PDB file of N, CA and C in Angstrom:
ATOM      1  N   UNK A   1       0.492  -0.599   0.256  1.00  0.00           N
ATOM      2  CA  UNK A   1      -0.089  -0.374  -0.240  1.00  0.00           C
ATOM      3  C   UNK A   1       0.581   1.252   0.090  1.00  0.00           C
ATOM      4  N   UNK A   2       0.867   2.099  -1.084  1.00  0.00           N
ATOM      5  CA  UNK A   2       1.656   3.398  -1.176  1.00  0.00           C
ATOM      6  C   UNK A   2       1.573   4.170  -0.347  1.00  0.00           C
ATOM      7  N   UNK A   3       0.719   4.826   0.452  1.00  0.00           N
ATOM      8  CA  UNK A   3       0.385   5.962   1.193  1.00  0.00           C
ATOM      9  C   UNK A   3       0.553   5.415   2.712  1.00  0.00           C
ATOM     10  N   UNK A   4       0.625   3.481   2.984  1.00  0.00           N
ATOM     11  CA  UNK A   4       1.107   3.798   4.618  1.00  0.00           C
ATOM     12  C   UNK A   4       2.764   2.722   4.465  1.00  0.00           C
ATOM     13  N   UNK A   5       3.606   3.245   5.039  1.00  0.00           N
ATOM     14  CA  UNK A   5       4.740   2.625   5.512  1.00  0.00           C
ATOM     15  C   UNK A   5       4.976   1.190   5.157  1.00  0.00           C
ATOM     16  N   UNK A   6       5.814   0.682   4.897  1.00  0.00           N
ATOM     17  CA  UNK A   6       6.263  -0.671   4.734  1.00  0.00           C
ATOM     18  C   UNK A   6       6.351  -1.037   6.733  1.00  0.00           C
ATOM     19  N   UNK A   7       5.443  -1.646   7.121  1.00  0.00           N
ATOM     20  CA  UNK A   7       5.487  -2.451   8.103  1.00  0.00           C
ATOM     21  C   UNK A   7       4.325  -2.229   8.683  1.00  0.00           C
ATOM     22  N   UNK A   8       3.348  -0.734   8.324  1.00  0.00           N
ATOM     23  CA  UNK A   8       2.469  -0.822   9.333  1.00  0.00           C
ATOM     24  C   UNK A   8       1.237  -0.740   8.258  1.00  0.00           C
ATOM     25  N   UNK A   9       0.039  -1.028   9.413  1.00  0.00           N
ATOM     26  CA  UNK A   9      -1.306  -1.625   9.225  1.00  0.00           C
ATOM     27  C   UNK A   9      -2.348  -0.210   9.764  1.00  0.00           C
ATOM     28  N   UNK A  10      -3.691  -0.547   9.393  1.00  0.00           N
ATOM     29  CA  UNK A  10      -4.629   0.633   9.432  1.00  0.00           C
ATOM     30  C   UNK A  10      -5.434  -0.033  10.928  1.00  0.00           C
ATOM     31  N   UNK A  11      -6.352   1.539  11.017  1.00  0.00           N
ATOM     32  CA  UNK A  11      -6.746   0.714  12.702  1.00  0.00           C
ATOM     33  C   UNK A  11      -8.244   1.716  12.016  1.00  0.00           C
ATOM     34  N   UNK A  12      -8.998   1.302  12.368  1.00  0.00           N
ATOM     35  CA  UNK A  12     -10.624   1.797  12.582  1.00  0.00           C
ATOM     36  C   UNK A  12     -10.602   2.537  14.318  1.00  0.00           C
ATOM     37  N   UNK A  13     -10.675   2.873  14.756  1.00  0.00           N
ATOM     38  CA  UNK A  13     -10.559   3.930  16.376  1.00  0.00           C
ATOM     39  C   UNK A  13     -12.296   4.448  16.053  1.00  0.00           C
ATOM     40  N   UNK A  14     -12.668   3.763  16.964  1.00  0.00           N
ATOM     41  CA  UNK A  14     -14.304   3.711  16.988  1.00  0.00           C
ATOM     42  C   UNK A  14     -14.399   4.825  18.742  1.00  0.00           C
ATOM     43  N   UNK A  15     -14.782   6.630  18.845  1.00  0.00           N
ATOM     44  CA  UNK A  15     -14.966   6.630  20.318  1.00  0.00           C
ATOM     45  C   UNK A  15     -16.351   7.116  19.857  1.00  0.00           C
ATOM     46  N   UNK A  16     -16.158   6.441  21.240  1.00  0.00           N
ATOM     47  CA  UNK A  16     -17.713   7.038  21.985  1.00  0.00           C
ATOM     48  C   UNK A  16     -17.779   7.379  23.303  1.00  0.00           C
ATOM     49  N   UNK A  17     -18.648   8.740  23.462  1.00  0.00           N
ATOM     50  CA  UNK A  17     -18.979   9.545  24.247  1.00  0.00           C
ATOM     51  C   UNK A  17     -19.700   8.810  25.571  1.00  0.00           C
ATOM     52  N   UNK A  18     -18.858   9.465  26.768  1.00  0.00           N
ATOM     53  CA  UNK A  18     -19.752   8.469  28.185  1.00  0.00           C
ATOM     54  C   UNK A  18     -20.053   9.286  28.918  1.00  0.00           C
ATOM     55  N   UNK A  19     -20.090  10.581  28.427  1.00  0.00           N
ATOM     56  CA  UNK A  19     -20.771  11.361  28.627  1.00  0.00           C
ATOM     57  C   UNK A  19     -21.382  12.449  27.973  1.00  0.00           C
ATOM     58  N   UNK A  20     -22.634  13.609  28.528  1.00  0.00           N
ATOM     59  CA  UNK A  20     -23.581  14.090  27.376  1.00  0.00           C
ATOM     60  C   UNK A  20     -22.652  15.352  26.990  1.00  0.00           C
ATOM     61  N   UNK A  21     -22.624  15.823  25.800  1.00  0.00           N
ATOM     62  CA  UNK A  21     -22.196  16.658  24.877  1.00  0.00           C
ATOM     63  C   UNK A  21     -21.719  18.069  25.692  1.00  0.00           C
ATOM     64  N   UNK A  22     -22.501  18.565  26.815  1.00  0.00           N
ATOM     65  CA  UNK A  22     -22.172  19.270  26.805  1.00  0.00           C
ATOM     66  C   UNK A  22     -20.783  19.768  28.230  1.00  0.00           C
ATOM     67  N   UNK A  23     -20.483  17.575  28.591  1.00  0.00           N
ATOM     68  CA  UNK A  23     -19.819  17.653  29.279  1.00  0.00           C
ATOM     69  C   UNK A  23     -18.562  17.345  28.496  1.00  0.00           C
ATOM     70  N   UNK A  24     -18.262  17.435  27.078  1.00  0.00           N
ATOM     71  CA  UNK A  24     -17.150  17.358  25.698  1.00  0.00           C
ATOM     72  C   UNK A  24     -17.060  18.658  25.426  1.00  0.00           C
ATOM     73  N   UNK A  25     -17.784  19.408  25.384  1.00  0.00           N
ATOM     74  CA  UNK A  25     -17.704  20.749  24.715  1.00  0.00           C
ATOM     75  C   UNK A  25     -15.906  21.194  25.089  1.00  0.00           C
ATOM     76  N   UNK A  26     -16.015  21.511  26.412  1.00  0.00           N
ATOM     77  CA  UNK A  26     -14.690  22.325  27.036  1.00  0.00           C
ATOM     78  C   UNK A  26     -13.935  21.132  26.073  1.00  0.00           C
ATOM     79  N   UNK A  27     -13.632  20.361  25.886  1.00  0.00           N
ATOM     80  CA  UNK A  27     -12.419  19.436  25.295  1.00  0.00           C
ATOM     81  C   UNK A  27     -12.242  19.093  24.039  1.00  0.00           C
ATOM     82  N   UNK A  28     -13.462  20.209  23.309  1.00  0.00           N
ATOM     83  CA  UNK A  28     -13.410  20.199  21.790  1.00  0.00           C
ATOM     84  C   UNK A  28     -11.520  20.498  20.850  1.00  0.00           C
ATOM     85  N   UNK A  29     -11.681  21.915  21.540  1.00  0.00           N
ATOM     86  CA  UNK A  29     -10.660  22.513  20.561  1.00  0.00           C
ATOM     87  C   UNK A  29      -9.083  21.544  21.010  1.00  0.00           C
ATOM     88  N   UNK A  30      -8.723  21.077  22.188  1.00  0.00           N
ATOM     89  CA  UNK A  30      -8.069  19.934  22.914  1.00  0.00           C
ATOM     90  C   UNK A  30      -7.717  19.142  21.932  1.00  0.00           C
ATOM     91  N   UNK A  31      -9.354  18.405  22.317  1.00  0.00           N
ATOM     92  CA  UNK A  31      -8.972  17.236  20.835  1.00  0.00           C
ATOM     93  C   UNK A  31      -8.917  17.227  19.835  1.00  0.00           C
ATOM     94  N   UNK A  32      -9.347  18.301  18.493  1.00  0.00           N
ATOM     95  CA  UNK A  32      -8.805  19.223  17.068  1.00  0.00           C
ATOM     96  C   UNK A  32      -7.963  19.296  17.530  1.00  0.00           C
ATOM     97  N   UNK A  33      -7.122  19.888  18.192  1.00  0.00           N
ATOM     98  CA  UNK A  33      -5.380  20.077  18.284  1.00  0.00           C
ATOM     99  C   UNK A  33      -4.627  18.716  18.254  1.00  0.00           C
ATOM    100  N   UNK A  34      -5.415  17.282  19.029  1.00  0.00           N
ATOM    101  CA  UNK A  34      -4.543  16.339  18.875  1.00  0.00           C
ATOM    102  C   UNK A  34      -4.807  15.835  17.646  1.00  0.00           C
ATOM    103  N   UNK A  35      -6.228  16.072  17.226  1.00  0.00           N
ATOM    104  CA  UNK A  35      -6.092  15.360  15.287  1.00  0.00           C
ATOM    105  C   UNK A  35      -5.294  15.929  14.354  1.00  0.00           C
ATOM    106  N   UNK A  36      -5.160  17.364  14.620  1.00  0.00           N
ATOM    107  CA  UNK A  36      -4.619  18.144  13.444  1.00  0.00           C
ATOM    108  C   UNK A  36      -3.216  16.677  13.685  1.00  0.00           C
ATOM    109  N   UNK A  37      -2.593  16.911  15.084  1.00  0.00           N
ATOM    110  CA  UNK A  37      -1.009  16.540  14.395  1.00  0.00           C
ATOM    111  C   UNK A  37      -1.278  15.437  14.473  1.00  0.00           C
ATOM    112  N   UNK A  38      -2.001  14.408  14.476  1.00  0.00           N
ATOM    113  CA  UNK A  38      -2.086  12.816  14.005  1.00  0.00           C
ATOM    114  C   UNK A  38      -2.373  13.149  12.602  1.00  0.00           C
ATOM    115  N   UNK A  39      -2.942  14.093  11.942  1.00  0.00           N
ATOM    116  CA  UNK A  39      -2.608  14.372  10.473  1.00  0.00           C
ATOM    117  C   UNK A  39      -1.176  14.905  10.249  1.00  0.00           C
ATOM    118  N   UNK A  40      -0.569  15.434  10.699  1.00  0.00           N
ATOM    119  CA  UNK A  40       1.078  16.745  10.745  1.00  0.00           C
ATOM    120  C   UNK A  40       1.776  15.280  10.415  1.00  0.00           C
ATOM    121  N   UNK A  41       1.482  14.463  11.336  1.00  0.00           N
ATOM    122  CA  UNK A  41       2.371  13.162  11.932  1.00  0.00           C
ATOM    123  C   UNK A  41       2.363  12.093  10.966  1.00  0.00           C
ATOM    124  N   UNK A  42       0.883  11.845  10.266  1.00  0.00           N
ATOM    125  CA  UNK A  42       1.034  11.024   8.999  1.00  0.00           C
ATOM    126  C   UNK A  42       0.597  10.099   9.801  1.00  0.00           C
ATOM    127  N   UNK A  43      -0.062  10.257  10.753  1.00  0.00           N
ATOM    128  CA  UNK A  43      -0.957   8.394  11.248  1.00  0.00           C
ATOM    129  C   UNK A  43      -2.341   8.704  10.881  1.00  0.00           C
ATOM    130  N   UNK A  44      -2.973   9.731  11.224  1.00  0.00           N
ATOM    131  CA  UNK A  44      -4.380  10.178  10.333  1.00  0.00           C
ATOM    132  C   UNK A  44      -4.598  10.142   9.264  1.00  0.00           C
ATOM    133  N   UNK A  45      -5.308   9.050   8.622  1.00  0.00           N
ATOM    134  CA  UNK A  45      -6.040   9.542   7.239  1.00  0.00           C
ATOM    135  C   UNK A  45      -7.325   9.916   6.993  1.00  0.00           C
ATOM    136  N   UNK A  46      -7.978   9.813   7.999  1.00  0.00           N
ATOM    137  CA  UNK A  46      -9.949  10.594   7.738  1.00  0.00           C
ATOM    138  C   UNK A  46     -10.475  10.401   8.995  1.00  0.00           C
ATOM    139  N   UNK A  47     -11.650  11.414   9.557  1.00  0.00           N
ATOM    140  CA  UNK A  47     -11.934  11.379  10.611  1.00  0.00           C
ATOM    141  C   UNK A  47     -13.292  12.271  10.455  1.00  0.00           C
ATOM    142  N   UNK A  48     -13.495  11.892  11.544  1.00  0.00           N
ATOM    143  CA  UNK A  48     -14.756  12.646  11.400  1.00  0.00           C
ATOM    144  C   UNK A  48     -15.928  12.087  12.874  1.00  0.00           C
ATOM    145  N   UNK A  49     -17.158  12.705  13.219  1.00  0.00           N
ATOM    146  CA  UNK A  49     -17.728  12.716  14.220  1.00  0.00           C
ATOM    147  C   UNK A  49     -19.195  11.870  13.482  1.00  0.00           C
ATOM    148  N   UNK A  50     -19.693  11.515  14.322  1.00  0.00           N
ATOM    149  CA  UNK A  50     -20.629  10.238  14.088  1.00  0.00           C
ATOM    150  C   UNK A  50     -21.516  10.815  14.103  1.00  0.00           C
ATOM    151  N   UNK A  51     -22.711  10.799  12.772  1.00  0.00           N
ATOM    152  CA  UNK A  51     -24.259  11.275  12.972  1.00  0.00           C
ATOM    153  C   UNK A  51     -25.076   9.755  13.379  1.00  0.00           C
ATOM    154  N   UNK A  52     -25.926   9.969  14.824  1.00  0.00           N
ATOM    155  CA  UNK A  52     -25.900  10.962  15.501  1.00  0.00           C
ATOM    156  C   UNK A  52     -24.699  11.663  16.573  1.00  0.00           C
ATOM    157  N   UNK A  53     -24.537  12.796  16.565  1.00  0.00           N
ATOM    158  CA  UNK A  53     -23.483  13.120  17.482  1.00  0.00           C
ATOM    159  C   UNK A  53     -23.022  11.920  18.692  1.00  0.00           C
ATOM    160  N   UNK A  54     -22.790  10.571  18.876  1.00  0.00           N
ATOM    161  CA  UNK A  54     -22.322  10.501  19.852  1.00  0.00           C
ATOM    162  C   UNK A  54     -20.889  10.078  20.198  1.00  0.00           C
ATOM    163  N   UNK A  55     -20.196  10.568  19.061  1.00  0.00           N
ATOM    164  CA  UNK A  55     -18.302  10.463  19.201  1.00  0.00           C
ATOM    165  C   UNK A  55     -18.168  10.707  17.566  1.00  0.00           C
ATOM    166  N   UNK A  56     -17.029  10.090  17.799  1.00  0.00           N
ATOM    167  CA  UNK A  56     -16.275  10.027  16.326  1.00  0.00           C
ATOM    168  C   UNK A  56     -16.082   8.829  15.340  1.00  0.00           C
ATOM    169  N   UNK A  57     -15.042   8.842  14.646  1.00  0.00           N
ATOM    170  CA  UNK A  57     -14.130   7.708  13.952  1.00  0.00           C
ATOM    171  C   UNK A  57     -13.331   8.255  13.451  1.00  0.00           C
ATOM    172  N   UNK A  58     -11.960   7.290  13.530  1.00  0.00           N
ATOM    173  CA  UNK A  58     -10.327   8.136  13.158  1.00  0.00           C
ATOM    174  C   UNK A  58      -9.941   7.030  12.033  1.00  0.00           C
ATOM    175  N   UNK A  59      -9.479   6.763  11.045  1.00  0.00           N
ATOM    176  CA  UNK A  59      -9.070   6.175  10.171  1.00  0.00           C
ATOM    177  C   UNK A  59      -7.248   6.875  10.425  1.00  0.00           C
ATOM    178  N   UNK A  60      -6.331   5.378  10.610  1.00  0.00           N
ATOM    179  CA  UNK A  60      -5.377   5.845  11.344  1.00  0.00           C
ATOM    180  C   UNK A  60      -4.532   4.591  10.649  1.00  0.00           C
ATOM    181  N   UNK A  61      -3.027   4.684  10.541  1.00  0.00           N
ATOM    182  CA  UNK A  61      -2.148   3.353  10.384  1.00  0.00           C
ATOM    183  C   UNK A  61      -1.177   3.710  11.739  1.00  0.00           C
ATOM    184  N   UNK A  62      -0.342   2.921  11.643  1.00  0.00           N
ATOM    185  CA  UNK A  62       0.488   2.618  12.479  1.00  0.00           C
ATOM    186  C   UNK A  62       0.999   1.479  12.526  1.00  0.00           C
ATOM    187  N   UNK A  63       2.304   1.158  12.997  1.00  0.00           N
ATOM    188  CA  UNK A  63       3.600   0.453  13.339  1.00  0.00           C
ATOM    189  C   UNK A  63       2.239  -1.330  14.013  1.00  0.00           C
ATOM    190  N   UNK A  64       1.966  -0.290  15.543  1.00  0.00           N
ATOM    191  CA  UNK A  64       1.715  -1.811  16.263  1.00  0.00           C
ATOM    192  C   UNK A  64       0.212  -1.244  16.166  1.00  0.00           C
ATOM    193  N   UNK A  65      -0.384  -2.171  17.188  1.00  0.00           N
ATOM    194  CA  UNK A  65      -2.033  -1.608  18.017  1.00  0.00           C
ATOM    195  C   UNK A  65      -1.031  -1.070  19.095  1.00  0.00           C
ATOM    196  N   UNK A  66      -0.313  -1.435  19.663  1.00  0.00           N
ATOM    197  CA  UNK A  66       0.376  -0.973  20.733  1.00  0.00           C
ATOM    198  C   UNK A  66       0.213   0.648  20.904  1.00  0.00           C
ATOM    199  N   UNK A  67       1.160   0.996  19.249  1.00  0.00           N
ATOM    200  CA  UNK A  67       1.423   2.129  19.160  1.00  0.00           C
ATOM    201  C   UNK A  67       0.113   3.352  19.484  1.00  0.00           C
ATOM    202  N   UNK A  68      -0.680   2.434  18.288  1.00  0.00           N
ATOM    203  CA  UNK A  68      -1.795   3.732  18.634  1.00  0.00           C
ATOM    204  C   UNK A  68      -2.738   3.558  19.872  1.00  0.00           C
ATOM    205  N   UNK A  69      -2.882   2.362  20.445  1.00  0.00           N
ATOM    206  CA  UNK A  69      -3.132   2.633  22.027  1.00  0.00           C
ATOM    207  C   UNK A  69      -2.505   3.755  23.052  1.00  0.00           C
ATOM    208  N   UNK A  70      -1.500   3.507  22.514  1.00  0.00           N
ATOM    209  CA  UNK A  70      -0.633   4.506  23.373  1.00  0.00           C
ATOM    210  C   UNK A  70      -0.591   6.271  22.492  1.00  0.00           C
ATOM    211  N   UNK A  71      -1.109   6.071  21.521  1.00  0.00           N
ATOM    212  CA  UNK A  71      -0.859   7.313  20.762  1.00  0.00           C
ATOM    213  C   UNK A  71      -2.415   8.380  21.471  1.00  0.00           C
ATOM    214  N   UNK A  72      -3.612   6.703  21.165  1.00  0.00           N
ATOM    215  CA  UNK A  72      -4.650   7.671  21.538  1.00  0.00           C
ATOM    216  C   UNK A  72      -4.879   7.759  23.166  1.00  0.00           C
ATOM    217  N   UNK A  73      -4.547   6.650  23.600  1.00  0.00           N
ATOM    218  CA  UNK A  73      -3.699   7.552  25.240  1.00  0.00           C
ATOM    219  C   UNK A  73      -4.082   8.946  25.723  1.00  0.00           C
ATOM    220  N   UNK A  74      -3.038   9.498  24.609  1.00  0.00           N
ATOM    221  CA  UNK A  74      -2.864  10.776  25.071  1.00  0.00           C
ATOM    222  C   UNK A  74      -3.929  11.970  24.254  1.00  0.00           C
ATOM    223  N   UNK A  75      -4.884  11.295  23.841  1.00  0.00           N
ATOM    224  CA  UNK A  75      -6.038  12.242  22.786  1.00  0.00           C
ATOM    225  C   UNK A  75      -6.547  13.065  24.448  1.00  0.00           C
ATOM    226  N   UNK A  76      -6.959  14.178  24.443  1.00  0.00           N
ATOM    227  CA  UNK A  76      -7.606  14.678  25.387  1.00  0.00           C
ATOM    228  C   UNK A  76      -8.884  14.433  26.274  1.00  0.00           C
ATOM    229  N   UNK A  77      -9.372  13.757  24.962  1.00  0.00           N
ATOM    230  CA  UNK A  77     -10.805  13.228  25.622  1.00  0.00           C
ATOM    231  C   UNK A  77     -10.177  12.277  26.594  1.00  0.00           C
ATOM    232  N   UNK A  78      -9.372  10.818  25.994  1.00  0.00           N
ATOM    233  CA  UNK A  78      -8.662  10.347  26.804  1.00  0.00           C
ATOM    234  C   UNK A  78      -8.726  10.668  28.337  1.00  0.00           C
ATOM    235  N   UNK A  79      -7.851  11.724  28.488  1.00  0.00           N
ATOM    236  CA  UNK A  79      -7.204  12.289  29.492  1.00  0.00           C
ATOM    237  C   UNK A  79      -7.879  12.562  30.451  1.00  0.00           C
ATOM    238  N   UNK A  80      -9.094  12.678  29.494  1.00  0.00           N
ATOM    239  CA  UNK A  80     -10.666  13.632  30.541  1.00  0.00           C
ATOM    240  C   UNK A  80     -11.561  12.246  31.194  1.00  0.00           C
ATOM    241  N   UNK A  81     -10.923  11.008  30.841  1.00  0.00           N
ATOM    242  CA  UNK A  81     -12.277  10.103  30.923  1.00  0.00           C
ATOM    243  C   UNK A  81     -13.944  10.294  30.565  1.00  0.00           C
ATOM    244  N   UNK A  82     -13.520  10.478  28.853  1.00  0.00           N
ATOM    245  CA  UNK A  82     -14.893  10.929  29.150  1.00  0.00           C
ATOM    246  C   UNK A  82     -15.191  10.278  27.588  1.00  0.00           C
ATOM    247  N   UNK A  83     -14.416   9.748  27.151  1.00  0.00           N
ATOM    248  CA  UNK A  83     -14.843   8.242  25.966  1.00  0.00           C
ATOM    249  C   UNK A  83     -14.041   7.347  26.289  1.00  0.00           C
ATOM    250  N   UNK A  84     -15.120   6.110  25.097  1.00  0.00           N
ATOM    251  CA  UNK A  84     -15.006   4.963  25.643  1.00  0.00           C
ATOM    252  C   UNK A  84     -14.030   4.728  23.972  1.00  0.00           C
ATOM    253  N   UNK A  85     -12.997   3.829  23.240  1.00  0.00           N
ATOM    254  CA  UNK A  85     -12.397   3.469  22.988  1.00  0.00           C
ATOM    255  C   UNK A  85     -12.250   2.240  21.857  1.00  0.00           C
ATOM    256  N   UNK A  86     -12.774   1.571  21.213  1.00  0.00           N
ATOM    257  CA  UNK A  86     -12.497   0.803  20.417  1.00  0.00           C
ATOM    258  C   UNK A  86     -11.738   0.643  19.159  1.00  0.00           C
ATOM    259  N   UNK A  87     -10.463  -0.198  19.235  1.00  0.00           N
ATOM    260  CA  UNK A  87      -9.828   0.151  18.352  1.00  0.00           C
ATOM    261  C   UNK A  87      -9.702  -1.279  17.363  1.00  0.00           C
ATOM    262  N   UNK A  88     -10.047  -1.227  16.228  1.00  0.00           N
ATOM    263  CA  UNK A  88      -9.965  -2.480  15.720  1.00  0.00           C
ATOM    264  C   UNK A  88      -8.614  -2.143  14.036  1.00  0.00           C
ATOM    265  N   UNK A  89      -7.990  -3.359  14.229  1.00  0.00           N
ATOM    266  CA  UNK A  89      -6.724  -3.595  13.401  1.00  0.00           C
ATOM    267  C   UNK A  89      -7.250  -4.490  12.061  1.00  0.00           C
ATOM    268  N   UNK A  90      -7.235  -3.480  10.939  1.00  0.00           N
ATOM    269  CA  UNK A  90      -6.959  -4.635  10.002  1.00  0.00           C
ATOM    270  C   UNK A  90      -6.097  -4.450   8.734  1.00  0.00           C
ATOM    271  N   UNK A  91      -6.152  -5.299   7.812  1.00  0.00           N
ATOM    272  CA  UNK A  91      -5.367  -5.239   6.605  1.00  0.00           C
ATOM    273  C   UNK A  91      -5.969  -4.465   5.686  1.00  0.00           C
ATOM    274  N   UNK A  92      -5.528  -3.517   4.728  1.00  0.00           N
ATOM    275  CA  UNK A  92      -6.618  -3.056   3.645  1.00  0.00           C
ATOM    276  C   UNK A  92      -6.161  -3.968   2.479  1.00  0.00           C
ATOM    277  N   UNK A  93      -6.455  -4.659   2.181  1.00  0.00           N
ATOM    278  CA  UNK A  93      -6.100  -5.830   0.832  1.00  0.00           C
ATOM    279  C   UNK A  93      -7.372  -4.875  -0.431  1.00  0.00           C
ATOM    280  N   UNK A  94      -7.714  -4.382  -0.409  1.00  0.00           N
ATOM    281  CA  UNK A  94      -8.683  -3.704  -1.352  1.00  0.00           C
ATOM    282  C   UNK A  94      -8.660  -2.152  -1.288  1.00  0.00           C
ATOM    283  N   UNK A  95      -8.223  -1.539  -1.982  1.00  0.00           N
ATOM    284  CA  UNK A  95      -8.152  -0.036  -2.008  1.00  0.00           C
ATOM    285  C   UNK A  95      -8.734   0.273  -3.212  1.00  0.00           C
ATOM    286  N   UNK A  96      -9.416   1.738  -3.004  1.00  0.00           N
ATOM    287  CA  UNK A  96      -9.807   2.505  -3.971  1.00  0.00           C
ATOM    288  C   UNK A  96      -8.455   2.788  -5.003  1.00  0.00           C
ATOM    289  N   UNK A  97      -8.224   3.372  -5.957  1.00  0.00           N
ATOM    290  CA  UNK A  97      -7.199   3.837  -7.062  1.00  0.00           C
ATOM    291  C   UNK A  97      -6.613   4.748  -6.272  1.00  0.00           C
ATOM    292  N   UNK A  98      -7.872   5.644  -5.734  1.00  0.00           N
ATOM    293  CA  UNK A  98      -7.192   7.089  -5.337  1.00  0.00           C
ATOM    294  C   UNK A  98      -6.076   6.784  -4.168  1.00  0.00           C
ATOM    295  N   UNK A  99      -6.162   5.769  -3.658  1.00  0.00           N
ATOM    296  CA  UNK A  99      -5.802   5.730  -2.296  1.00  0.00           C
ATOM    297  C   UNK A  99      -4.252   4.512  -2.703  1.00  0.00           C
ATOM    298  N   UNK A 100      -3.572   4.254  -3.912  1.00  0.00           N
ATOM    299  CA  UNK A 100      -2.746   3.078  -4.280  1.00  0.00           C
ATOM    300  C   UNK A 100      -1.766   4.247  -4.496  1.00  0.00           C
TER     301      UNK A 100
END
């Protein structure tokens, strides 16, 4: 896969809020700065809010599941204890031409 470094795999990170949106809002700016850094570092490939807004999803690439878990532990949402994360690793065997 051309856009993923050798030895890295893909991850779907499902972020589920465990508190009401009013409790999430104070952490949004810090979370968005964290997400922007993930893109700058080449780790995040796509992201966005769920509909309805119960959390978000990040598509990431990384060297290992433990590396992605460590990265996501630094997310301000995780540090504040306001989300539940589900990280799924997968091998992207089939890709749209634009991703090759």
